[in-house]
């Protein structure tokens, strides 16, 4: 015969109460700081000083790249507007009066 849900829960609580608990370890502030620092610094990427790049260096690189993309798109749109305006003017007055 299978056990009811309350019986299963009681069995689980009994097993949990008997199992050894892991010892707690006190984590020091400098260990936490080091873990955070390591998460934001990449030894595989270097900044302009050839030091390991940090999050700020990476964000700066992304912003510079995004700016170059935006400038290129803006230049392309300006060139297209000029060519569209020139084409429309030529169609409206092909002789150039």
PDB file of N, CA and C in Angstrom:
ATOM      1  N   UNK A   1       0.839  -1.171   0.000  1.00  0.00           N
ATOM      2  CA  UNK A   1       0.000   0.000   0.000  1.00  0.00           C
ATOM      3  C   UNK A   1       0.893   1.247   0.000  1.00  0.00           C
ATOM      4  N   UNK A   2       0.565   2.244  -0.824  1.00  0.00           N
ATOM      5  CA  UNK A   2       1.377   3.462  -0.901  1.00  0.00           C
ATOM      6  C   UNK A   2       1.019   4.413   0.234  1.00  0.00           C
ATOM      7  N   UNK A   3       1.971   5.250   0.565  1.00  0.00           N
ATOM      8  CA  UNK A   3       1.796   6.183   1.671  1.00  0.00           C
ATOM      9  C   UNK A   3       1.068   7.437   1.196  1.00  0.00           C
ATOM     10  N   UNK A   4       0.409   8.068   2.114  1.00  0.00           N
ATOM     11  CA  UNK A   4      -0.276   9.323   1.809  1.00  0.00           C
ATOM     12  C   UNK A   4       0.752  10.457   1.784  1.00  0.00           C
ATOM     13  N   UNK A   5       0.360  11.575   1.279  1.00  0.00           N
ATOM     14  CA  UNK A   5       1.247  12.738   1.202  1.00  0.00           C
ATOM     15  C   UNK A   5       1.734  13.171   2.581  1.00  0.00           C
ATOM     16  N   UNK A   6       0.876  13.293   3.577  1.00  0.00           N
ATOM     17  CA  UNK A   6       1.381  13.659   4.912  1.00  0.00           C
ATOM     18  C   UNK A   6       2.395  12.647   5.462  1.00  0.00           C
ATOM     19  N   UNK A   7       2.185  11.368   5.179  1.00  0.00           N
ATOM     20  CA  UNK A   7       3.135  10.352   5.633  1.00  0.00           C
ATOM     21  C   UNK A   7       4.478  10.493   4.925  1.00  0.00           C
ATOM     22  N   UNK A   8       4.444  10.758   3.610  1.00  0.00           N
ATOM     23  CA  UNK A   8       5.686  10.961   2.856  1.00  0.00           C
ATOM     24  C   UNK A   8       6.445  12.177   3.372  1.00  0.00           C
ATOM     25  N   UNK A   9       5.708  13.265   3.666  1.00  0.00           N
ATOM     26  CA  UNK A   9       6.347  14.479   4.179  1.00  0.00           C
ATOM     27  C   UNK A   9       6.970  14.215   5.542  1.00  0.00           C
ATOM     28  N   UNK A  10       6.295  13.459   6.380  1.00  0.00           N
ATOM     29  CA  UNK A  10       6.829  13.125   7.704  1.00  0.00           C
ATOM     30  C   UNK A  10       8.096  12.291   7.568  1.00  0.00           C
ATOM     31  N   UNK A  11       8.126  11.352   6.617  1.00  0.00           N
ATOM     32  CA  UNK A  11       9.321  10.546   6.376  1.00  0.00           C
ATOM     33  C   UNK A  11      10.487  11.426   5.905  1.00  0.00           C
ATOM     34  N   UNK A  12      10.187  12.359   5.023  1.00  0.00           N
ATOM     35  CA  UNK A  12      11.233  13.254   4.508  1.00  0.00           C
ATOM     36  C   UNK A  12      11.798  14.120   5.621  1.00  0.00           C
ATOM     37  N   UNK A  13      10.945  14.625   6.490  1.00  0.00           N
ATOM     38  CA  UNK A  13      11.412  15.442   7.616  1.00  0.00           C
ATOM     39  C   UNK A  13      12.273  14.620   8.568  1.00  0.00           C
ATOM     40  N   UNK A  14      11.907  13.372   8.768  1.00  0.00           N
ATOM     41  CA  UNK A  14      12.675  12.493   9.651  1.00  0.00           C
ATOM     42  C   UNK A  14      14.052  12.216   9.067  1.00  0.00           C
ATOM     43  N   UNK A  15      14.113  11.958   7.765  1.00  0.00           N
ATOM     44  CA  UNK A  15      15.395  11.715   7.096  1.00  0.00           C
ATOM     45  C   UNK A  15      16.261  12.980   7.162  1.00  0.00           C
ATOM     46  N   UNK A  16      15.652  14.137   6.909  1.00  0.00           N
ATOM     47  CA  UNK A  16      16.395  15.404   6.951  1.00  0.00           C
ATOM     48  C   UNK A  16      16.933  15.680   8.349  1.00  0.00           C
ATOM     49  N   UNK A  17      16.174  15.336   9.361  1.00  0.00           N
ATOM     50  CA  UNK A  17      16.614  15.578  10.739  1.00  0.00           C
ATOM     51  C   UNK A  17      17.793  14.690  11.104  1.00  0.00           C
ATOM     52  N   UNK A  18      17.889  13.511  10.552  1.00  0.00           N
ATOM     53  CA  UNK A  18      18.962  12.573  10.859  1.00  0.00           C
ATOM     54  C   UNK A  18      20.235  12.848  10.061  1.00  0.00           C
ATOM     55  N   UNK A  19      20.098  13.510   8.905  1.00  0.00           N
ATOM     56  CA  UNK A  19      21.267  13.714   8.048  1.00  0.00           C
ATOM     57  C   UNK A  19      22.208  14.753   8.652  1.00  0.00           C
ATOM     58  N   UNK A  20      23.514  14.532   8.491  1.00  0.00           N
ATOM     59  CA  UNK A  20      24.467  15.495   9.045  1.00  0.00           C
ATOM     60  C   UNK A  20      24.398  16.819   8.283  1.00  0.00           C
ATOM     61  N   UNK A  21      24.507  17.890   9.010  1.00  0.00           N
ATOM     62  CA  UNK A  21      24.461  19.204   8.378  1.00  0.00           C
ATOM     63  C   UNK A  21      25.883  19.666   8.072  1.00  0.00           C
ATOM     64  N   UNK A  22      26.043  20.312   6.921  1.00  0.00           N
ATOM     65  CA  UNK A  22      27.392  20.805   6.605  1.00  0.00           C
ATOM     66  C   UNK A  22      27.776  21.928   7.558  1.00  0.00           C
ATOM     67  N   UNK A  23      29.071  21.983   7.870  1.00  0.00           N
ATOM     68  CA  UNK A  23      29.549  23.051   8.744  1.00  0.00           C
ATOM     69  C   UNK A  23      29.485  24.370   7.986  1.00  0.00           C
ATOM     70  N   UNK A  24      29.093  25.403   8.676  1.00  0.00           N
ATOM     71  CA  UNK A  24      29.052  26.724   8.065  1.00  0.00           C
ATOM     72  C   UNK A  24      30.435  27.347   8.143  1.00  0.00           C
ATOM     73  N   UNK A  25      30.805  28.014   7.080  1.00  0.00           N
ATOM     74  CA  UNK A  25      32.087  28.690   7.036  1.00  0.00           C
ATOM     75  C   UNK A  25      31.828  30.179   6.963  1.00  0.00           C
ATOM     76  N   UNK A  26      32.498  30.925   7.782  1.00  0.00           N
ATOM     77  CA  UNK A  26      32.335  32.374   7.773  1.00  0.00           C
ATOM     78  C   UNK A  26      33.179  32.925   6.625  1.00  0.00           C
ATOM     79  N   UNK A  27      32.530  33.669   5.757  1.00  0.00           N
ATOM     80  CA  UNK A  27      33.222  34.267   4.625  1.00  0.00           C
ATOM     81  C   UNK A  27      33.644  35.673   5.018  1.00  0.00           C
ATOM     82  N   UNK A  28      34.914  35.964   4.794  1.00  0.00           N
ATOM     83  CA  UNK A  28      35.440  37.274   5.147  1.00  0.00           C
ATOM     84  C   UNK A  28      35.153  38.269   4.038  1.00  0.00           C
ATOM     85  N   UNK A  29      35.105  39.531   4.404  1.00  0.00           N
ATOM     86  CA  UNK A  29      34.798  40.598   3.444  1.00  0.00           C
ATOM     87  C   UNK A  29      35.812  40.642   2.308  1.00  0.00           C
ATOM     88  N   UNK A  30      37.091  40.392   2.609  1.00  0.00           N
ATOM     89  CA  UNK A  30      38.097  40.453   1.546  1.00  0.00           C
ATOM     90  C   UNK A  30      37.933  39.311   0.550  1.00  0.00           C
ATOM     91  N   UNK A  31      37.413  38.170   0.995  1.00  0.00           N
ATOM     92  CA  UNK A  31      37.131  37.074   0.067  1.00  0.00           C
ATOM     93  C   UNK A  31      35.989  37.445  -0.877  1.00  0.00           C
ATOM     94  N   UNK A  32      34.976  38.106  -0.335  1.00  0.00           N
ATOM     95  CA  UNK A  32      33.856  38.556  -1.160  1.00  0.00           C
ATOM     96  C   UNK A  32      34.335  39.611  -2.156  1.00  0.00           C
ATOM     97  N   UNK A  33      35.131  40.560  -1.679  1.00  0.00           N
ATOM     98  CA  UNK A  33      35.647  41.607  -2.566  1.00  0.00           C
ATOM     99  C   UNK A  33      36.496  41.013  -3.683  1.00  0.00           C
ATOM    100  N   UNK A  34      37.319  40.031  -3.357  1.00  0.00           N
ATOM    101  CA  UNK A  34      38.161  39.397  -4.369  1.00  0.00           C
ATOM    102  C   UNK A  34      37.321  38.654  -5.404  1.00  0.00           C
ATOM    103  N   UNK A  35      36.271  37.993  -4.955  1.00  0.00           N
ATOM    104  CA  UNK A  35      35.393  37.272  -5.878  1.00  0.00           C
ATOM    105  C   UNK A  35      34.690  38.241  -6.824  1.00  0.00           C
ATOM    106  N   UNK A  36      34.240  39.367  -6.296  1.00  0.00           N
ATOM    107  CA  UNK A  36      33.582  40.371  -7.145  1.00  0.00           C
ATOM    108  C   UNK A  36      34.584  40.945  -8.141  1.00  0.00           C
ATOM    109  N   UNK A  37      35.795  41.276  -7.655  1.00  0.00           N
ATOM    110  CA  UNK A  37      36.832  41.832  -8.530  1.00  0.00           C
ATOM    111  C   UNK A  37      37.161  40.839  -9.646  1.00  0.00           C
ATOM    112  N   UNK A  38      37.317  39.578  -9.306  1.00  0.00           N
ATOM    113  CA  UNK A  38      37.646  38.564 -10.298  1.00  0.00           C
ATOM    114  C   UNK A  38      36.531  38.396 -11.332  1.00  0.00           C
ATOM    115  N   UNK A  39      35.307  38.638 -10.921  1.00  0.00           N
ATOM    116  CA  UNK A  39      34.184  38.510 -11.858  1.00  0.00           C
ATOM    117  C   UNK A  39      34.171  39.643 -12.878  1.00  0.00           C
ATOM    118  N   UNK A  40      34.743  40.800 -12.521  1.00  0.00           N
ATOM    119  CA  UNK A  40      34.710  41.955 -13.411  1.00  0.00           C
ATOM    120  C   UNK A  40      36.026  42.216 -14.130  1.00  0.00           C
ATOM    121  N   UNK A  41      37.049  41.432 -13.879  1.00  0.00           N
ATOM    122  CA  UNK A  41      38.334  41.622 -14.544  1.00  0.00           C
ATOM    123  C   UNK A  41      38.646  40.382 -15.368  1.00  0.00           C
ATOM    124  N   UNK A  42      39.062  40.613 -16.616  1.00  0.00           N
ATOM    125  CA  UNK A  42      39.376  39.507 -17.500  1.00  0.00           C
ATOM    126  C   UNK A  42      40.877  39.451 -17.764  1.00  0.00           C
ATOM    127  N   UNK A  43      41.541  38.375 -17.397  1.00  0.00           N
ATOM    128  CA  UNK A  43      42.966  38.261 -17.706  1.00  0.00           C
ATOM    129  C   UNK A  43      43.203  37.994 -19.195  1.00  0.00           C
ATOM    130  N   UNK A  44      42.157  37.670 -19.946  1.00  0.00           N
ATOM    131  CA  UNK A  44      42.284  37.365 -21.373  1.00  0.00           C
ATOM    132  C   UNK A  44      42.208  38.607 -22.244  1.00  0.00           C
ATOM    133  N   UNK A  45      41.779  39.737 -21.688  1.00  0.00           N
ATOM    134  CA  UNK A  45      41.653  40.986 -22.439  1.00  0.00           C
ATOM    135  C   UNK A  45      42.481  42.031 -21.712  1.00  0.00           C
ATOM    136  N   UNK A  46      43.232  42.834 -22.471  1.00  0.00           N
ATOM    137  CA  UNK A  46      44.079  43.845 -21.852  1.00  0.00           C
ATOM    138  C   UNK A  46      43.662  45.234 -22.292  1.00  0.00           C
ATOM    139  N   UNK A  47      43.826  46.198 -21.401  1.00  0.00           N
ATOM    140  CA  UNK A  47      43.508  47.578 -21.736  1.00  0.00           C
ATOM    141  C   UNK A  47      44.726  48.237 -22.379  1.00  0.00           C
ATOM    142  N   UNK A  48      44.671  49.541 -22.567  1.00  0.00           N
ATOM    143  CA  UNK A  48      45.755  50.249 -23.249  1.00  0.00           C
ATOM    144  C   UNK A  48      47.066  50.208 -22.472  1.00  0.00           C
ATOM    145  N   UNK A  49      47.025  49.960 -21.180  1.00  0.00           N
ATOM    146  CA  UNK A  49      48.240  49.857 -20.356  1.00  0.00           C
ATOM    147  C   UNK A  49      48.736  48.415 -20.252  1.00  0.00           C
ATOM    148  N   UNK A  50      48.126  47.528 -21.033  1.00  0.00           N
ATOM    149  CA  UNK A  50      48.436  46.102 -21.004  1.00  0.00           C
ATOM    150  C   UNK A  50      48.162  45.470 -19.640  1.00  0.00           C
ATOM    151  N   UNK A  51      47.217  46.042 -18.906  1.00  0.00           N
ATOM    152  CA  UNK A  51      46.745  45.463 -17.653  1.00  0.00           C
ATOM    153  C   UNK A  51      45.475  44.683 -17.957  1.00  0.00           C
ATOM    154  N   UNK A  52      45.116  43.737 -17.091  1.00  0.00           N
ATOM    155  CA  UNK A  52      43.856  43.030 -17.330  1.00  0.00           C
ATOM    156  C   UNK A  52      42.692  44.025 -17.409  1.00  0.00           C
ATOM    157  N   UNK A  53      41.878  43.863 -18.424  1.00  0.00           N
ATOM    158  CA  UNK A  53      40.769  44.795 -18.630  1.00  0.00           C
ATOM    159  C   UNK A  53      39.683  44.574 -17.589  1.00  0.00           C
ATOM    160  N   UNK A  54      39.083  45.669 -17.164  1.00  0.00           N
ATOM    161  CA  UNK A  54      37.973  45.560 -16.231  1.00  0.00           C
ATOM    162  C   UNK A  54      36.676  45.923 -16.944  1.00  0.00           C
ATOM    163  N   UNK A  55      35.605  45.922 -16.222  1.00  0.00           N
ATOM    164  CA  UNK A  55      34.289  46.182 -16.805  1.00  0.00           C
ATOM    165  C   UNK A  55      34.227  47.555 -17.463  1.00  0.00           C
ATOM    166  N   UNK A  56      34.859  48.557 -16.861  1.00  0.00           N
ATOM    167  CA  UNK A  56      34.837  49.906 -17.428  1.00  0.00           C
ATOM    168  C   UNK A  56      35.543  49.929 -18.779  1.00  0.00           C
ATOM    169  N   UNK A  57      36.689  49.242 -18.885  1.00  0.00           N
ATOM    170  CA  UNK A  57      37.410  49.186 -20.156  1.00  0.00           C
ATOM    171  C   UNK A  57      36.547  48.532 -21.239  1.00  0.00           C
ATOM    172  N   UNK A  58      35.883  47.449 -20.871  1.00  0.00           N
ATOM    173  CA  UNK A  58      35.030  46.748 -21.845  1.00  0.00           C
ATOM    174  C   UNK A  58      33.858  47.616 -22.275  1.00  0.00           C
ATOM    175  N   UNK A  59      33.222  48.287 -21.312  1.00  0.00           N
ATOM    176  CA  UNK A  59      32.097  49.167 -21.653  1.00  0.00           C
ATOM    177  C   UNK A  59      32.562  50.322 -22.532  1.00  0.00           C
ATOM    178  N   UNK A  60      33.743  50.873 -22.243  1.00  0.00           N
ATOM    179  CA  UNK A  60      34.278  51.970 -23.056  1.00  0.00           C
ATOM    180  C   UNK A  60      34.485  51.504 -24.495  1.00  0.00           C
ATOM    181  N   UNK A  61      35.027  50.304 -24.665  1.00  0.00           N
ATOM    182  CA  UNK A  61      35.207  49.756 -26.007  1.00  0.00           C
ATOM    183  C   UNK A  61      33.885  49.565 -26.734  1.00  0.00           C
ATOM    184  N   UNK A  62      32.880  49.081 -26.022  1.00  0.00           N
ATOM    185  CA  UNK A  62      31.556  48.894 -26.636  1.00  0.00           C
ATOM    186  C   UNK A  62      30.927  50.225 -27.034  1.00  0.00           C
ATOM    187  N   UNK A  63      31.081  51.228 -26.184  1.00  0.00           N
ATOM    188  CA  UNK A  63      30.515  52.550 -26.482  1.00  0.00           C
ATOM    189  C   UNK A  63      31.204  53.153 -27.701  1.00  0.00           C
ATOM    190  N   UNK A  64      32.539  53.019 -27.780  1.00  0.00           N
ATOM    191  CA  UNK A  64      33.262  53.545 -28.940  1.00  0.00           C
ATOM    192  C   UNK A  64      32.805  52.853 -30.222  1.00  0.00           C
ATOM    193  N   UNK A  65      32.629  51.543 -30.157  1.00  0.00           N
ATOM    194  CA  UNK A  65      32.181  50.791 -31.335  1.00  0.00           C
ATOM    195  C   UNK A  65      30.767  51.197 -31.729  1.00  0.00           C
ATOM    196  N   UNK A  66      29.886  51.370 -30.744  1.00  0.00           N
ATOM    197  CA  UNK A  66      28.509  51.789 -31.034  1.00  0.00           C
ATOM    198  C   UNK A  66      28.498  53.176 -31.660  1.00  0.00           C
ATOM    199  N   UNK A  67      29.386  54.052 -31.185  1.00  0.00           N
ATOM    200  CA  UNK A  67      29.462  55.410 -31.753  1.00  0.00           C
ATOM    201  C   UNK A  67      29.913  55.360 -33.207  1.00  0.00           C
ATOM    202  N   UNK A  68      30.901  54.512 -33.522  1.00  0.00           N
ATOM    203  CA  UNK A  68      31.362  54.385 -34.912  1.00  0.00           C
ATOM    204  C   UNK A  68      30.243  53.850 -35.802  1.00  0.00           C
ATOM    205  N   UNK A  69      29.474  52.896 -35.299  1.00  0.00           N
ATOM    206  CA  UNK A  69      28.344  52.361 -36.071  1.00  0.00           C
ATOM    207  C   UNK A  69      27.310  53.449 -36.309  1.00  0.00           C
ATOM    208  N   UNK A  70      26.991  54.216 -35.259  1.00  0.00           N
ATOM    209  CA  UNK A  70      26.001  55.290 -35.392  1.00  0.00           C
ATOM    210  C   UNK A  70      26.475  56.346 -36.382  1.00  0.00           C
ATOM    211  N   UNK A  71      27.763  56.704 -36.337  1.00  0.00           N
ATOM    212  CA  UNK A  71      28.296  57.695 -37.283  1.00  0.00           C
ATOM    213  C   UNK A  71      28.214  57.178 -38.719  1.00  0.00           C
ATOM    214  N   UNK A  72      28.543  55.906 -38.924  1.00  0.00           N
ATOM    215  CA  UNK A  72      28.478  55.328 -40.267  1.00  0.00           C
ATOM    216  C   UNK A  72      27.041  55.292 -40.778  1.00  0.00           C
ATOM    217  N   UNK A  73      26.093  54.923 -39.908  1.00  0.00           N
ATOM    218  CA  UNK A  73      24.679  54.905 -40.317  1.00  0.00           C
ATOM    219  C   UNK A  73      24.184  56.302 -40.649  1.00  0.00           C
ATOM    220  N   UNK A  74      24.591  57.278 -39.838  1.00  0.00           N
ATOM    221  CA  UNK A  74      24.178  58.655 -40.081  1.00  0.00           C
ATOM    222  C   UNK A  74      24.746  59.160 -41.407  1.00  0.00           C
ATOM    223  N   UNK A  75      25.998  58.862 -41.698  1.00  0.00           N
ATOM    224  CA  UNK A  75      26.605  59.275 -42.968  1.00  0.00           C
ATOM    225  C   UNK A  75      25.896  58.607 -44.143  1.00  0.00           C
ATOM    226  N   UNK A  76      25.558  57.332 -43.981  1.00  0.00           N
ATOM    227  CA  UNK A  76      24.848  56.613 -45.047  1.00  0.00           C
ATOM    228  C   UNK A  76      23.466  57.218 -45.284  1.00  0.00           C
ATOM    229  N   UNK A  77      22.755  57.557 -44.202  1.00  0.00           N
ATOM    230  CA  UNK A  77      21.431  58.170 -44.355  1.00  0.00           C
ATOM    231  C   UNK A  77      21.530  59.537 -45.024  1.00  0.00           C
ATOM    232  N   UNK A  78      22.543  60.315 -44.648  1.00  0.00           N
ATOM    233  CA  UNK A  78      22.724  61.629 -45.301  1.00  0.00           C
ATOM    234  C   UNK A  78      22.996  61.459 -46.786  1.00  0.00           C
ATOM    235  N   UNK A  79      23.845  60.482 -47.133  1.00  0.00           N
ATOM    236  CA  UNK A  79      24.154  60.239 -48.549  1.00  0.00           C
ATOM    237  C   UNK A  79      22.907  59.797 -49.297  1.00  0.00           C
ATOM    238  N   UNK A  80      22.089  58.987 -48.686  1.00  0.00           N
ATOM    239  CA  UNK A  80      20.854  58.536 -49.339  1.00  0.00           C
ATOM    240  C   UNK A  80      19.869  59.693 -49.504  1.00  0.00           C
ATOM    241  N   UNK A  81      19.746  60.559 -48.497  1.00  0.00           N
ATOM    242  CA  UNK A  81      18.852  61.719 -48.614  1.00  0.00           C
ATOM    243  C   UNK A  81      19.293  62.625 -49.738  1.00  0.00           C
ATOM    244  N   UNK A  82      20.581  62.848 -49.888  1.00  0.00           N
ATOM    245  CA  UNK A  82      21.088  63.709 -50.965  1.00  0.00           C
ATOM    246  C   UNK A  82      20.810  63.073 -52.308  1.00  0.00           C
ATOM    247  N   UNK A  83      21.054  61.746 -52.425  1.00  0.00           N
ATOM    248  CA  UNK A  83      20.823  61.086 -53.710  1.00  0.00           C
ATOM    249  C   UNK A  83      19.335  61.028 -54.033  1.00  0.00           C
ATOM    250  N   UNK A  84      18.487  60.846 -53.028  1.00  0.00           N
ATOM    251  CA  UNK A  84      17.038  60.827 -53.270  1.00  0.00           C
ATOM    252  C   UNK A  84      16.572  62.208 -53.708  1.00  0.00           C
ATOM    253  N   UNK A  85      17.076  63.243 -53.037  1.00  0.00           N
ATOM    254  CA  UNK A  85      16.696  64.609 -53.408  1.00  0.00           C
ATOM    255  C   UNK A  85      17.185  64.931 -54.809  1.00  0.00           C
ATOM    256  N   UNK A  86      18.383  64.510 -55.170  1.00  0.00           N
ATOM    257  CA  UNK A  86      18.927  64.762 -56.510  1.00  0.00           C
ATOM    258  C   UNK A  86      18.119  64.023 -57.556  1.00  0.00           C
ATOM    259  N   UNK A  87      17.768  62.769 -57.277  1.00  0.00           N
ATOM    260  CA  UNK A  87      16.956  61.987 -58.217  1.00  0.00           C
ATOM    261  C   UNK A  87      15.584  62.623 -58.407  1.00  0.00           C
ATOM    262  N   UNK A  88      14.975  63.085 -57.340  1.00  0.00           N
ATOM    263  CA  UNK A  88      13.645  63.700 -57.442  1.00  0.00           C
ATOM    264  C   UNK A  88      13.728  64.988 -58.237  1.00  0.00           C
ATOM    265  N   UNK A  89      14.763  65.784 -58.024  1.00  0.00           N
ATOM    266  CA  UNK A  89      14.913  67.040 -58.769  1.00  0.00           C
ATOM    267  C   UNK A  89      15.154  66.763 -60.249  1.00  0.00           C
ATOM    268  N   UNK A  90      15.939  65.736 -60.543  1.00  0.00           N
ATOM    269  CA  UNK A  90      16.212  65.393 -61.947  1.00  0.00           C
ATOM    270  C   UNK A  90      14.942  64.895 -62.632  1.00  0.00           C
ATOM    271  N   UNK A  91      14.137  64.128 -61.932  1.00  0.00           N
ATOM    272  CA  UNK A  91      12.879  63.646 -62.524  1.00  0.00           C
ATOM    273  C   UNK A  91      11.900  64.796 -62.728  1.00  0.00           C
ATOM    274  N   UNK A  92      11.875  65.717 -61.811  1.00  0.00           N
ATOM    275  CA  UNK A  92      10.920  66.838 -61.925  1.00  0.00           C
ATOM    276  C   UNK A  92      11.318  67.791 -63.053  1.00  0.00           C
ATOM    277  N   UNK A  93      12.601  67.976 -63.265  1.00  0.00           N
ATOM    278  CA  UNK A  93      13.051  68.906 -64.291  1.00  0.00           C
ATOM    279  C   UNK A  93      14.278  68.290 -64.979  1.00  0.00           C
ATOM    280  N   UNK A  94      14.052  67.346 -65.909  1.00  0.00           N
ATOM    281  CA  UNK A  94      15.165  66.627 -66.519  1.00  0.00           C
ATOM    282  C   UNK A  94      16.097  67.529 -67.342  1.00  0.00           C
ATOM    283  N   UNK A  95      15.616  68.631 -67.844  1.00  0.00           N
ATOM    284  CA  UNK A  95      16.437  69.505 -68.681  1.00  0.00           C
ATOM    285  C   UNK A  95      17.260  70.458 -67.782  1.00  0.00           C
ATOM    286  N   UNK A  96      16.833  70.698 -66.598  1.00  0.00           N
ATOM    287  CA  UNK A  96      17.553  71.553 -65.682  1.00  0.00           C
ATOM    288  C   UNK A  96      17.184  73.027 -65.815  1.00  0.00           C
ATOM    289  N   UNK A  97      15.911  73.326 -66.086  1.00  0.00           N
ATOM    290  CA  UNK A  97      15.478  74.736 -66.254  1.00  0.00           C
ATOM    291  C   UNK A  97      15.417  75.461 -64.969  1.00  0.00           C
TER     292      UNK A  97
END
